[in-house]
Amino acid sequence: EVKPKAKPRIKSSPEPLKKNSHRKLPENSNESLPGDDNYMIQIAAYKNLQDAVDQMVVLDSKGFSSYRTMGQINDTIWHRVRTGPFKNREKAKKALQKLRKKNVQGIIMKKE
């Protein structure tokens, strides 16, 4: 009997930090605190939700966490698959190099 692969839990966007939270992040963390310049990597954008979910499963199988956001351009809804956030552009570049080593393309973007 072949069991279907479990799909990862999907968040539509990263959970925001609570106001006045005072978390201390490890030095090598990819996370960032409010007020930092935030960057993320967009892996792909799909018109079809299932295509975005499938891409997230592939990323998860390669060891990368990801999330999905929705955006509308004209009358088209896009499901964007992203990873991050990263504290600065340099950390995002290093993450992109790791993605490319696993044959995953992406583009670094400043967080919206």
PDB file of N, CA and C in Angstrom:
ATOM      1  N   GLU A   1       0.850  -1.187   0.000  1.00  0.00           N
ATOM      2  CA  GLU A   1       0.000   0.000   0.000  1.00  0.00           C
ATOM      3  C   GLU A   1       0.890   1.243   0.000  1.00  0.00           C
ATOM      4  N   VAL A   2       0.614   2.159  -0.915  1.00  0.00           N
ATOM      5  CA  VAL A   2       1.378   3.394  -1.014  1.00  0.00           C
ATOM      6  C   VAL A   2       0.592   4.505  -0.342  1.00  0.00           C
ATOM      7  N   LYS A   3       1.221   5.118   0.649  1.00  0.00           N
ATOM      8  CA  LYS A   3       0.553   6.212   1.356  1.00  0.00           C
ATOM      9  C   LYS A   3       0.909   7.524   0.678  1.00  0.00           C
ATOM     10  N   PRO A   4      -0.087   8.418   0.498  1.00  0.00           N
ATOM     11  CA  PRO A   4       0.229   9.716  -0.107  1.00  0.00           C
ATOM     12  C   PRO A   4       1.121  10.527   0.819  1.00  0.00           C
ATOM     13  N   LYS A   5       1.987  11.325   0.205  1.00  0.00           N
ATOM     14  CA  LYS A   5       2.874  12.187   0.973  1.00  0.00           C
ATOM     15  C   LYS A   5       2.060  13.250   1.692  1.00  0.00           C
ATOM     16  N   ALA A   6       2.363  13.465   2.948  1.00  0.00           N
ATOM     17  CA  ALA A   6       1.643  14.485   3.701  1.00  0.00           C
ATOM     18  C   ALA A   6       2.057  15.858   3.197  1.00  0.00           C
ATOM     19  N   LYS A   7       1.072  16.722   3.010  1.00  0.00           N
ATOM     20  CA  LYS A   7       1.369  18.079   2.570  1.00  0.00           C
ATOM     21  C   LYS A   7       1.702  18.921   3.794  1.00  0.00           C
ATOM     22  N   PRO A   8       2.682  19.831   3.662  1.00  0.00           N
ATOM     23  CA  PRO A   8       3.046  20.668   4.804  1.00  0.00           C
ATOM     24  C   PRO A   8       1.938  21.647   5.132  1.00  0.00           C
ATOM     25  N   ARG A   9       1.922  22.068   6.397  1.00  0.00           N
ATOM     26  CA  ARG A   9       0.966  23.098   6.784  1.00  0.00           C
ATOM     27  C   ARG A   9       1.374  24.377   6.082  1.00  0.00           C
ATOM     28  N   ILE A  10       0.406  25.053   5.535  1.00  0.00           N
ATOM     29  CA  ILE A  10       0.696  26.217   4.720  1.00  0.00           C
ATOM     30  C   ILE A  10       0.145  27.459   5.403  1.00  0.00           C
ATOM     31  N   LYS A  11       1.019  28.462   5.534  1.00  0.00           N
ATOM     32  CA  LYS A  11       0.589  29.751   6.045  1.00  0.00           C
ATOM     33  C   LYS A  11       0.467  30.680   4.845  1.00  0.00           C
ATOM     34  N   SER A  12      -0.547  31.515   4.829  1.00  0.00           N
ATOM     35  CA  SER A  12      -0.689  32.436   3.714  1.00  0.00           C
ATOM     36  C   SER A  12       0.305  33.587   3.813  1.00  0.00           C
ATOM     37  N   SER A  13       0.797  33.869   4.996  1.00  0.00           N
ATOM     38  CA  SER A  13       1.837  34.881   5.161  1.00  0.00           C
ATOM     39  C   SER A  13       2.494  34.652   6.512  1.00  0.00           C
ATOM     40  N   PRO A  14       3.706  35.204   6.700  1.00  0.00           N
ATOM     41  CA  PRO A  14       4.360  35.013   7.985  1.00  0.00           C
ATOM     42  C   PRO A  14       3.529  35.635   9.100  1.00  0.00           C
ATOM     43  N   GLU A  15       3.573  35.024  10.283  1.00  0.00           N
ATOM     44  CA  GLU A  15       2.824  35.567  11.399  1.00  0.00           C
ATOM     45  C   GLU A  15       3.514  36.836  11.879  1.00  0.00           C
ATOM     46  N   PRO A  16       2.740  37.909  12.081  1.00  0.00           N
ATOM     47  CA  PRO A  16       3.362  39.153  12.534  1.00  0.00           C
ATOM     48  C   PRO A  16       3.785  39.042  13.993  1.00  0.00           C
ATOM     49  N   LEU A  17       4.805  39.794  14.357  1.00  0.00           N
ATOM     50  CA  LEU A  17       5.213  39.851  15.750  1.00  0.00           C
ATOM     51  C   LEU A  17       4.194  40.672  16.517  1.00  0.00           C
ATOM     52  N   LYS A  18       3.961  40.303  17.768  1.00  0.00           N
ATOM     53  CA  LYS A  18       3.047  41.071  18.591  1.00  0.00           C
ATOM     54  C   LYS A  18       3.696  42.405  18.933  1.00  0.00           C
ATOM     55  N   LYS A  19       2.865  43.415  19.046  1.00  0.00           N
ATOM     56  CA  LYS A  19       3.361  44.740  19.369  1.00  0.00           C
ATOM     57  C   LYS A  19       4.090  44.688  20.712  1.00  0.00           C
ATOM     58  N   ASN A  20       5.203  45.377  20.773  1.00  0.00           N
ATOM     59  CA  ASN A  20       6.036  45.449  21.972  1.00  0.00           C
ATOM     60  C   ASN A  20       6.632  44.112  22.382  1.00  0.00           C
ATOM     61  N   SER A  21       6.711  43.155  21.452  1.00  0.00           N
ATOM     62  CA  SER A  21       7.369  41.900  21.813  1.00  0.00           C
ATOM     63  C   SER A  21       8.865  42.157  21.809  1.00  0.00           C
ATOM     64  N   HIS A  22       9.565  41.548  22.717  1.00  0.00           N
ATOM     65  CA  HIS A  22      10.999  41.765  22.843  1.00  0.00           C
ATOM     66  C   HIS A  22      11.701  40.436  22.729  1.00  0.00           C
ATOM     67  N   ARG A  23      11.728  39.905  21.521  1.00  0.00           N
ATOM     68  CA  ARG A  23      12.413  38.641  21.277  1.00  0.00           C
ATOM     69  C   ARG A  23      13.867  38.925  20.977  1.00  0.00           C
ATOM     70  N   LYS A  24      14.734  38.074  21.480  1.00  0.00           N
ATOM     71  CA  LYS A  24      16.132  38.149  21.105  1.00  0.00           C
ATOM     72  C   LYS A  24      16.362  37.033  20.101  1.00  0.00           C
ATOM     73  N   LEU A  25      16.911  37.388  18.942  1.00  0.00           N
ATOM     74  CA  LEU A  25      17.120  36.412  17.880  1.00  0.00           C
ATOM     75  C   LEU A  25      18.554  35.914  17.908  1.00  0.00           C
ATOM     76  N   PRO A  26      18.751  34.627  17.584  1.00  0.00           N
ATOM     77  CA  PRO A  26      20.122  34.126  17.460  1.00  0.00           C
ATOM     78  C   PRO A  26      20.855  34.893  16.363  1.00  0.00           C
ATOM     79  N   GLU A  27      22.166  35.018  16.500  1.00  0.00           N
ATOM     80  CA  GLU A  27      22.953  35.791  15.543  1.00  0.00           C
ATOM     81  C   GLU A  27      22.817  35.287  14.113  1.00  0.00           C
ATOM     82  N   ASN A  28      22.688  33.972  13.926  1.00  0.00           N
ATOM     83  CA  ASN A  28      22.618  33.406  12.576  1.00  0.00           C
ATOM     84  C   ASN A  28      21.183  33.252  12.084  1.00  0.00           C
ATOM     85  N   SER A  29      20.231  33.870  12.754  1.00  0.00           N
ATOM     86  CA  SER A  29      18.826  33.731  12.389  1.00  0.00           C
ATOM     87  C   SER A  29      18.513  34.450  11.086  1.00  0.00           C
ATOM     88  N   ASN A  30      17.601  33.873  10.304  1.00  0.00           N
ATOM     89  CA  ASN A  30      17.108  34.531   9.096  1.00  0.00           C
ATOM     90  C   ASN A  30      15.948  35.455   9.416  1.00  0.00           C
ATOM     91  N   GLU A  31      15.424  35.375  10.647  1.00  0.00           N
ATOM     92  CA  GLU A  31      14.302  36.212  11.030  1.00  0.00           C
ATOM     93  C   GLU A  31      14.784  37.631  11.287  1.00  0.00           C
ATOM     94  N   SER A  32      13.851  38.546  11.407  1.00  0.00           N
ATOM     95  CA  SER A  32      14.217  39.916  11.682  1.00  0.00           C
ATOM     96  C   SER A  32      13.203  40.540  12.620  1.00  0.00           C
ATOM     97  N   LEU A  33      13.622  41.566  13.285  1.00  0.00           N
ATOM     98  CA  LEU A  33      12.747  42.292  14.191  1.00  0.00           C
ATOM     99  C   LEU A  33      12.128  43.473  13.455  1.00  0.00           C
ATOM    100  N   PRO A  34      10.999  43.983  13.968  1.00  0.00           N
ATOM    101  CA  PRO A  34      10.380  45.131  13.311  1.00  0.00           C
ATOM    102  C   PRO A  34      11.381  46.277  13.198  1.00  0.00           C
ATOM    103  N   GLY A  35      11.333  46.977  12.067  1.00  0.00           N
ATOM    104  CA  GLY A  35      12.231  48.093  11.858  1.00  0.00           C
ATOM    105  C   GLY A  35      13.467  47.720  11.065  1.00  0.00           C
ATOM    106  N   ASP A  36      13.793  46.433  10.980  1.00  0.00           N
ATOM    107  CA  ASP A  36      14.930  46.021  10.167  1.00  0.00           C
ATOM    108  C   ASP A  36      14.545  46.128   8.700  1.00  0.00           C
ATOM    109  N   ASP A  37      15.571  46.269   7.836  1.00  0.00           N
ATOM    110  CA  ASP A  37      15.304  46.169   6.403  1.00  0.00           C
ATOM    111  C   ASP A  37      15.041  44.704   6.129  1.00  0.00           C
ATOM    112  N   ASN A  38      13.880  44.391   5.666  1.00  0.00           N
ATOM    113  CA  ASN A  38      13.506  42.997   5.450  1.00  0.00           C
ATOM    114  C   ASN A  38      13.547  42.644   3.978  1.00  0.00           C
ATOM    115  N   TYR A  39      14.105  41.485   3.697  1.00  0.00           N
ATOM    116  CA  TYR A  39      14.162  40.955   2.346  1.00  0.00           C
ATOM    117  C   TYR A  39      13.565  39.563   2.339  1.00  0.00           C
ATOM    118  N   MET A  40      13.076  39.167   1.188  1.00  0.00           N
ATOM    119  CA  MET A  40      12.594  37.806   1.006  1.00  0.00           C
ATOM    120  C   MET A  40      12.955  37.381  -0.402  1.00  0.00           C
ATOM    121  N   ILE A  41      12.786  36.099  -0.653  1.00  0.00           N
ATOM    122  CA  ILE A  41      13.063  35.564  -1.980  1.00  0.00           C
ATOM    123  C   ILE A  41      11.751  35.045  -2.549  1.00  0.00           C
ATOM    124  N   GLN A  42      11.395  35.539  -3.721  1.00  0.00           N
ATOM    125  CA  GLN A  42      10.216  35.007  -4.400  1.00  0.00           C
ATOM    126  C   GLN A  42      10.680  33.899  -5.326  1.00  0.00           C
ATOM    127  N   ILE A  43      10.096  32.716  -5.117  1.00  0.00           N
ATOM    128  CA  ILE A  43      10.456  31.535  -5.905  1.00  0.00           C
ATOM    129  C   ILE A  43       9.641  31.488  -7.198  1.00  0.00           C
ATOM    130  N   ALA A  44       8.356  31.761  -7.077  1.00  0.00           N
ATOM    131  CA  ALA A  44       7.476  31.663  -8.251  1.00  0.00           C
ATOM    132  C   ALA A  44       6.154  32.348  -7.948  1.00  0.00           C
ATOM    133  N   ALA A  45       5.373  32.572  -8.998  1.00  0.00           N
ATOM    134  CA  ALA A  45       4.008  33.086  -8.867  1.00  0.00           C
ATOM    135  C   ALA A  45       3.124  32.302  -9.830  1.00  0.00           C
ATOM    136  N   TYR A  46       2.004  31.828  -9.311  1.00  0.00           N
ATOM    137  CA  TYR A  46       1.109  30.969 -10.098  1.00  0.00           C
ATOM    138  C   TYR A  46      -0.302  31.530 -10.094  1.00  0.00           C
ATOM    139  N   LYS A  47      -0.996  31.326 -11.196  1.00  0.00           N
ATOM    140  CA  LYS A  47      -2.416  31.664 -11.254  1.00  0.00           C
ATOM    141  C   LYS A  47      -3.236  30.609 -10.518  1.00  0.00           C
ATOM    142  N   ASN A  48      -2.736  29.380 -10.528  1.00  0.00           N
ATOM    143  CA  ASN A  48      -3.450  28.256  -9.933  1.00  0.00           C
ATOM    144  C   ASN A  48      -2.918  27.979  -8.522  1.00  0.00           C
ATOM    145  N   LEU A  49      -3.805  27.987  -7.539  1.00  0.00           N
ATOM    146  CA  LEU A  49      -3.424  27.751  -6.144  1.00  0.00           C
ATOM    147  C   LEU A  49      -2.710  26.416  -5.963  1.00  0.00           C
ATOM    148  N   GLN A  50      -3.198  25.367  -6.588  1.00  0.00           N
ATOM    149  CA  GLN A  50      -2.606  24.037  -6.411  1.00  0.00           C
ATOM    150  C   GLN A  50      -1.166  24.005  -6.912  1.00  0.00           C
ATOM    151  N   ASP A  51      -0.870  24.743  -7.982  1.00  0.00           N
ATOM    152  CA  ASP A  51       0.510  24.816  -8.471  1.00  0.00           C
ATOM    153  C   ASP A  51       1.421  25.431  -7.414  1.00  0.00           C
ATOM    154  N   ALA A  52       0.932  26.465  -6.724  1.00  0.00           N
ATOM    155  CA  ALA A  52       1.712  27.099  -5.656  1.00  0.00           C
ATOM    156  C   ALA A  52       1.935  26.120  -4.511  1.00  0.00           C
ATOM    157  N   VAL A  53       0.892  25.412  -4.128  1.00  0.00           N
ATOM    158  CA  VAL A  53       1.006  24.425  -3.044  1.00  0.00           C
ATOM    159  C   VAL A  53       1.994  23.325  -3.441  1.00  0.00           C
ATOM    160  N   ASP A  54       1.919  22.862  -4.669  1.00  0.00           N
ATOM    161  CA  ASP A  54       2.850  21.829  -5.142  1.00  0.00           C
ATOM    162  C   ASP A  54       4.298  22.325  -5.072  1.00  0.00           C
ATOM    163  N   GLN A  55       4.529  23.585  -5.433  1.00  0.00           N
ATOM    164  CA  GLN A  55       5.881  24.150  -5.360  1.00  0.00           C
ATOM    165  C   GLN A  55       6.357  24.204  -3.911  1.00  0.00           C
ATOM    166  N   MET A  56       5.455  24.510  -2.990  1.00  0.00           N
ATOM    167  CA  MET A  56       5.809  24.552  -1.570  1.00  0.00           C
ATOM    168  C   MET A  56       6.202  23.165  -1.062  1.00  0.00           C
ATOM    169  N   VAL A  57       5.522  22.139  -1.557  1.00  0.00           N
ATOM    170  CA  VAL A  57       5.859  20.758  -1.186  1.00  0.00           C
ATOM    171  C   VAL A  57       7.260  20.412  -1.682  1.00  0.00           C
ATOM    172  N   VAL A  58       7.572  20.817  -2.908  1.00  0.00           N
ATOM    173  CA  VAL A  58       8.911  20.569  -3.468  1.00  0.00           C
ATOM    174  C   VAL A  58       9.965  21.276  -2.619  1.00  0.00           C
ATOM    175  N   LEU A  59       9.722  22.535  -2.276  1.00  0.00           N
ATOM    176  CA  LEU A  59      10.676  23.280  -1.455  1.00  0.00           C
ATOM    177  C   LEU A  59      10.869  22.608  -0.096  1.00  0.00           C
ATOM    178  N   ASP A  60       9.777  22.173   0.499  1.00  0.00           N
ATOM    179  CA  ASP A  60       9.845  21.488   1.792  1.00  0.00           C
ATOM    180  C   ASP A  60      10.680  20.214   1.679  1.00  0.00           C
ATOM    181  N   SER A  61      10.511  19.476   0.600  1.00  0.00           N
ATOM    182  CA  SER A  61      11.263  18.229   0.413  1.00  0.00           C
ATOM    183  C   SER A  61      12.758  18.498   0.222  1.00  0.00           C
ATOM    184  N   LYS A  62      13.104  19.714  -0.203  1.00  0.00           N
ATOM    185  CA  LYS A  62      14.508  20.091  -0.379  1.00  0.00           C
ATOM    186  C   LYS A  62      15.067  20.802   0.850  1.00  0.00           C
ATOM    187  N   GLY A  63      14.238  20.913   1.891  1.00  0.00           N
ATOM    188  CA  GLY A  63      14.696  21.485   3.152  1.00  0.00           C
ATOM    189  C   GLY A  63      14.499  22.978   3.307  1.00  0.00           C
ATOM    190  N   PHE A  64      13.643  23.579   2.489  1.00  0.00           N
ATOM    191  CA  PHE A  64      13.412  25.019   2.564  1.00  0.00           C
ATOM    192  C   PHE A  64      11.993  25.311   3.037  1.00  0.00           C
ATOM    193  N   SER A  65      11.868  26.212   3.994  1.00  0.00           N
ATOM    194  CA  SER A  65      10.535  26.640   4.411  1.00  0.00           C
ATOM    195  C   SER A  65      10.044  27.696   3.419  1.00  0.00           C
ATOM    196  N   SER A  66       8.740  27.777   3.268  1.00  0.00           N
ATOM    197  CA  SER A  66       8.187  28.761   2.343  1.00  0.00           C
ATOM    198  C   SER A  66       6.819  29.191   2.834  1.00  0.00           C
ATOM    199  N   TYR A  67       6.325  30.240   2.231  1.00  0.00           N
ATOM    200  CA  TYR A  67       4.974  30.701   2.524  1.00  0.00           C
ATOM    201  C   TYR A  67       4.366  31.235   1.236  1.00  0.00           C
ATOM    202  N   ARG A  68       3.072  31.465   1.285  1.00  0.00           N
ATOM    203  CA  ARG A  68       2.353  31.903   0.086  1.00  0.00           C
ATOM    204  C   ARG A  68       1.641  33.216   0.383  1.00  0.00           C
ATOM    205  N   THR A  69       1.713  34.134  -0.560  1.00  0.00           N
ATOM    206  CA  THR A  69       0.927  35.363  -0.482  1.00  0.00           C
ATOM    207  C   THR A  69       0.096  35.461  -1.750  1.00  0.00           C
ATOM    208  N   MET A  70      -0.959  36.220  -1.671  1.00  0.00           N
ATOM    209  CA  MET A  70      -1.791  36.438  -2.853  1.00  0.00           C
ATOM    210  C   MET A  70      -1.691  37.898  -3.255  1.00  0.00           C
ATOM    211  N   GLY A  71      -1.674  38.122  -4.540  1.00  0.00           N
ATOM    212  CA  GLY A  71      -1.681  39.478  -5.059  1.00  0.00           C
ATOM    213  C   GLY A  71      -2.539  39.515  -6.306  1.00  0.00           C
ATOM    214  N   GLN A  72      -3.105  40.669  -6.564  1.00  0.00           N
ATOM    215  CA  GLN A  72      -3.945  40.802  -7.752  1.00  0.00           C
ATOM    216  C   GLN A  72      -3.341  41.848  -8.679  1.00  0.00           C
ATOM    217  N   ILE A  73      -3.174  41.472  -9.926  1.00  0.00           N
ATOM    218  CA  ILE A  73      -2.721  42.400 -10.960  1.00  0.00           C
ATOM    219  C   ILE A  73      -3.810  42.410 -12.020  1.00  0.00           C
ATOM    220  N   ASN A  74      -4.389  43.578 -12.224  1.00  0.00           N
ATOM    221  CA  ASN A  74      -5.577  43.727 -13.070  1.00  0.00           C
ATOM    222  C   ASN A  74      -6.649  42.775 -12.549  1.00  0.00           C
ATOM    223  N   ASP A  75      -7.111  41.844 -13.348  1.00  0.00           N
ATOM    224  CA  ASP A  75      -8.160  40.925 -12.892  1.00  0.00           C
ATOM    225  C   ASP A  75      -7.613  39.541 -12.546  1.00  0.00           C
ATOM    226  N   THR A  76      -6.287  39.413 -12.463  1.00  0.00           N
ATOM    227  CA  THR A  76      -5.679  38.111 -12.230  1.00  0.00           C
ATOM    228  C   THR A  76      -5.138  38.022 -10.807  1.00  0.00           C
ATOM    229  N   ILE A  77      -5.512  36.950 -10.110  1.00  0.00           N
ATOM    230  CA  ILE A  77      -4.983  36.685  -8.768  1.00  0.00           C
ATOM    231  C   ILE A  77      -3.768  35.780  -8.910  1.00  0.00           C
ATOM    232  N   TRP A  78      -2.666  36.175  -8.272  1.00  0.00           N
ATOM    233  CA  TRP A  78      -1.421  35.413  -8.304  1.00  0.00           C
ATOM    234  C   TRP A  78      -1.130  34.860  -6.920  1.00  0.00           C
ATOM    235  N   HIS A  79      -0.703  33.612  -6.875  1.00  0.00           N
ATOM    236  CA  HIS A  79      -0.295  32.947  -5.635  1.00  0.00           C
ATOM    237  C   HIS A  79       1.230  32.908  -5.660  1.00  0.00           C
ATOM    238  N   ARG A  80       1.837  33.742  -4.831  1.00  0.00           N
ATOM    239  CA  ARG A  80       3.298  33.893  -4.836  1.00  0.00           C
ATOM    240  C   ARG A  80       3.921  32.994  -3.772  1.00  0.00           C
ATOM    241  N   VAL A  81       4.915  32.235  -4.170  1.00  0.00           N
ATOM    242  CA  VAL A  81       5.628  31.356  -3.248  1.00  0.00           C
ATOM    243  C   VAL A  81       6.937  32.041  -2.886  1.00  0.00           C
ATOM    244  N   ARG A  82       7.134  32.218  -1.572  1.00  0.00           N
ATOM    245  CA  ARG A  82       8.298  32.967  -1.096  1.00  0.00           C
ATOM    246  C   ARG A  82       8.960  32.257   0.071  1.00  0.00           C
ATOM    247  N   THR A  83      10.192  32.672   0.355  1.00  0.00           N
ATOM    248  CA  THR A  83      10.899  32.206   1.541  1.00  0.00           C
ATOM    249  C   THR A  83      11.538  33.417   2.200  1.00  0.00           C
ATOM    250  N   GLY A  84      11.719  33.343   3.499  1.00  0.00           N
ATOM    251  CA  GLY A  84      12.280  34.448   4.265  1.00  0.00           C
ATOM    252  C   GLY A  84      11.401  34.714   5.466  1.00  0.00           C
ATOM    253  N   PRO A  85      11.493  35.852   6.087  1.00  0.00           N
ATOM    254  CA  PRO A  85      12.277  37.017   5.708  1.00  0.00           C
ATOM    255  C   PRO A  85      13.744  36.880   6.113  1.00  0.00           C
ATOM    256  N   PHE A  86      14.568  37.760   5.530  1.00  0.00           N
ATOM    257  CA  PHE A  86      15.991  37.815   5.834  1.00  0.00           C
ATOM    258  C   PHE A  86      16.306  39.217   6.328  1.00  0.00           C
ATOM    259  N   LYS A  87      17.206  39.294   7.284  1.00  0.00           N
ATOM    260  CA  LYS A  87      17.508  40.568   7.942  1.00  0.00           C
ATOM    261  C   LYS A  87      18.083  41.598   6.985  1.00  0.00           C
ATOM    262  N   ASN A  88      18.887  41.133   6.033  1.00  0.00           N
ATOM    263  CA  ASN A  88      19.497  42.074   5.098  1.00  0.00           C
ATOM    264  C   ASN A  88      19.721  41.376   3.759  1.00  0.00           C
ATOM    265  N   ARG A  89      20.134  42.153   2.769  1.00  0.00           N
ATOM    266  CA  ARG A  89      20.313  41.620   1.419  1.00  0.00           C
ATOM    267  C   ARG A  89      21.390  40.537   1.390  1.00  0.00           C
ATOM    268  N   GLU A  90      22.434  40.692   2.198  1.00  0.00           N
ATOM    269  CA  GLU A  90      23.523  39.720   2.212  1.00  0.00           C
ATOM    270  C   GLU A  90      23.024  38.341   2.666  1.00  0.00           C
ATOM    271  N   LYS A  91      22.188  38.299   3.710  1.00  0.00           N
ATOM    272  CA  LYS A  91      21.634  37.017   4.168  1.00  0.00           C
ATOM    273  C   LYS A  91      20.717  36.419   3.103  1.00  0.00           C
ATOM    274  N   ALA A  92      19.981  37.271   2.405  1.00  0.00           N
ATOM    275  CA  ALA A  92      19.110  36.793   1.330  1.00  0.00           C
ATOM    276  C   ALA A  92      19.940  36.219   0.184  1.00  0.00           C
ATOM    277  N   LYS A  93      21.073  36.867  -0.137  1.00  0.00           N
ATOM    278  CA  LYS A  93      21.942  36.359  -1.208  1.00  0.00           C
ATOM    279  C   LYS A  93      22.482  34.973  -0.858  1.00  0.00           C
ATOM    280  N   LYS A  94      22.884  34.793   0.399  1.00  0.00           N
ATOM    281  CA  LYS A  94      23.399  33.484   0.828  1.00  0.00           C
ATOM    282  C   LYS A  94      22.314  32.415   0.719  1.00  0.00           C
ATOM    283  N   ALA A  95      21.090  32.772   1.107  1.00  0.00           N
ATOM    284  CA  ALA A  95      19.982  31.823   1.000  1.00  0.00           C
ATOM    285  C   ALA A  95      19.698  31.487  -0.458  1.00  0.00           C
ATOM    286  N   LEU A  96      19.767  32.484  -1.327  1.00  0.00           N
ATOM    287  CA  LEU A  96      19.525  32.255  -2.755  1.00  0.00           C
ATOM    288  C   LEU A  96      20.582  31.320  -3.340  1.00  0.00           C
ATOM    289  N   GLN A  97      21.816  31.452  -2.894  1.00  0.00           N
ATOM    290  CA  GLN A  97      22.876  30.541  -3.353  1.00  0.00           C
ATOM    291  C   GLN A  97      22.551  29.098  -2.948  1.00  0.00           C
ATOM    292  N   LYS A  98      22.057  28.919  -1.719  1.00  0.00           N
ATOM    293  CA  LYS A  98      21.678  27.572  -1.262  1.00  0.00           C
ATOM    294  C   LYS A  98      20.528  27.025  -2.107  1.00  0.00           C
ATOM    295  N   LEU A  99      19.550  27.878  -2.410  1.00  0.00           N
ATOM    296  CA  LEU A  99      18.427  27.453  -3.250  1.00  0.00           C
ATOM    297  C   LEU A  99      18.916  27.021  -4.625  1.00  0.00           C
ATOM    298  N   ARG A 100      19.808  27.814  -5.211  1.00  0.00           N
ATOM    299  CA  ARG A 100      20.304  27.507  -6.563  1.00  0.00           C
ATOM    300  C   ARG A 100      21.084  26.197  -6.595  1.00  0.00           C
ATOM    301  N   LYS A 101      21.781  25.874  -5.500  1.00  0.00           N
ATOM    302  CA  LYS A 101      22.505  24.602  -5.430  1.00  0.00           C
ATOM    303  C   LYS A 101      21.542  23.421  -5.484  1.00  0.00           C
ATOM    304  N   LYS A 102      20.273  23.663  -5.103  1.00  0.00           N
ATOM    305  CA  LYS A 102      19.237  22.621  -5.164  1.00  0.00           C
ATOM    306  C   LYS A 102      18.337  22.813  -6.387  1.00  0.00           C
ATOM    307  N   ASN A 103      18.840  23.555  -7.384  1.00  0.00           N
ATOM    308  CA  ASN A 103      18.109  23.808  -8.635  1.00  0.00           C
ATOM    309  C   ASN A 103      16.790  24.540  -8.434  1.00  0.00           C
ATOM    310  N   VAL A 104      16.778  25.495  -7.513  1.00  0.00           N
ATOM    311  CA  VAL A 104      15.597  26.330  -7.281  1.00  0.00           C
ATOM    312  C   VAL A 104      15.985  27.763  -7.602  1.00  0.00           C
ATOM    313  N   GLN A 105      15.263  28.366  -8.535  1.00  0.00           N
ATOM    314  CA  GLN A 105      15.525  29.757  -8.915  1.00  0.00           C
ATOM    315  C   GLN A 105      14.659  30.685  -8.072  1.00  0.00           C
ATOM    316  N   GLY A 106      15.108  31.891  -7.919  1.00  0.00           N
ATOM    317  CA  GLY A 106      14.332  32.874  -7.170  1.00  0.00           C
ATOM    318  C   GLY A 106      14.893  34.251  -7.396  1.00  0.00           C
ATOM    319  N   ILE A 107      14.192  35.240  -6.862  1.00  0.00           N
ATOM    320  CA  ILE A 107      14.624  36.624  -6.971  1.00  0.00           C
ATOM    321  C   ILE A 107      14.498  37.272  -5.605  1.00  0.00           C
ATOM    322  N   ILE A 108      15.529  38.020  -5.217  1.00  0.00           N
ATOM    323  CA  ILE A 108      15.517  38.727  -3.938  1.00  0.00           C
ATOM    324  C   ILE A 108      14.657  39.980  -4.084  1.00  0.00           C
ATOM    325  N   MET A 109      13.799  40.184  -3.104  1.00  0.00           N
ATOM    326  CA  MET A 109      12.916  41.345  -3.124  1.00  0.00           C
ATOM    327  C   MET A 109      12.889  41.980  -1.749  1.00  0.00           C
ATOM    328  N   LYS A 110      12.746  43.282  -1.720  1.00  0.00           N
ATOM    329  CA  LYS A 110      12.542  43.984  -0.454  1.00  0.00           C
ATOM    330  C   LYS A 110      11.101  43.716  -0.032  1.00  0.00           C
ATOM    331  N   LYS A 111      10.920  43.400   1.250  1.00  0.00           N
ATOM    332  CA  LYS A 111       9.572  43.071   1.739  1.00  0.00           C
ATOM    333  C   LYS A 111       8.620  44.237   1.542  1.00  0.00           C
ATOM    334  N   GLU A 112       7.412  43.910   1.167  1.00  0.00           N
ATOM    335  CA  GLU A 112       6.385  44.932   0.894  1.00  0.00           C
ATOM    336  C   GLU A 112       5.857  45.512   2.172  1.00  0.00           C
TER     337      GLU A 112
END
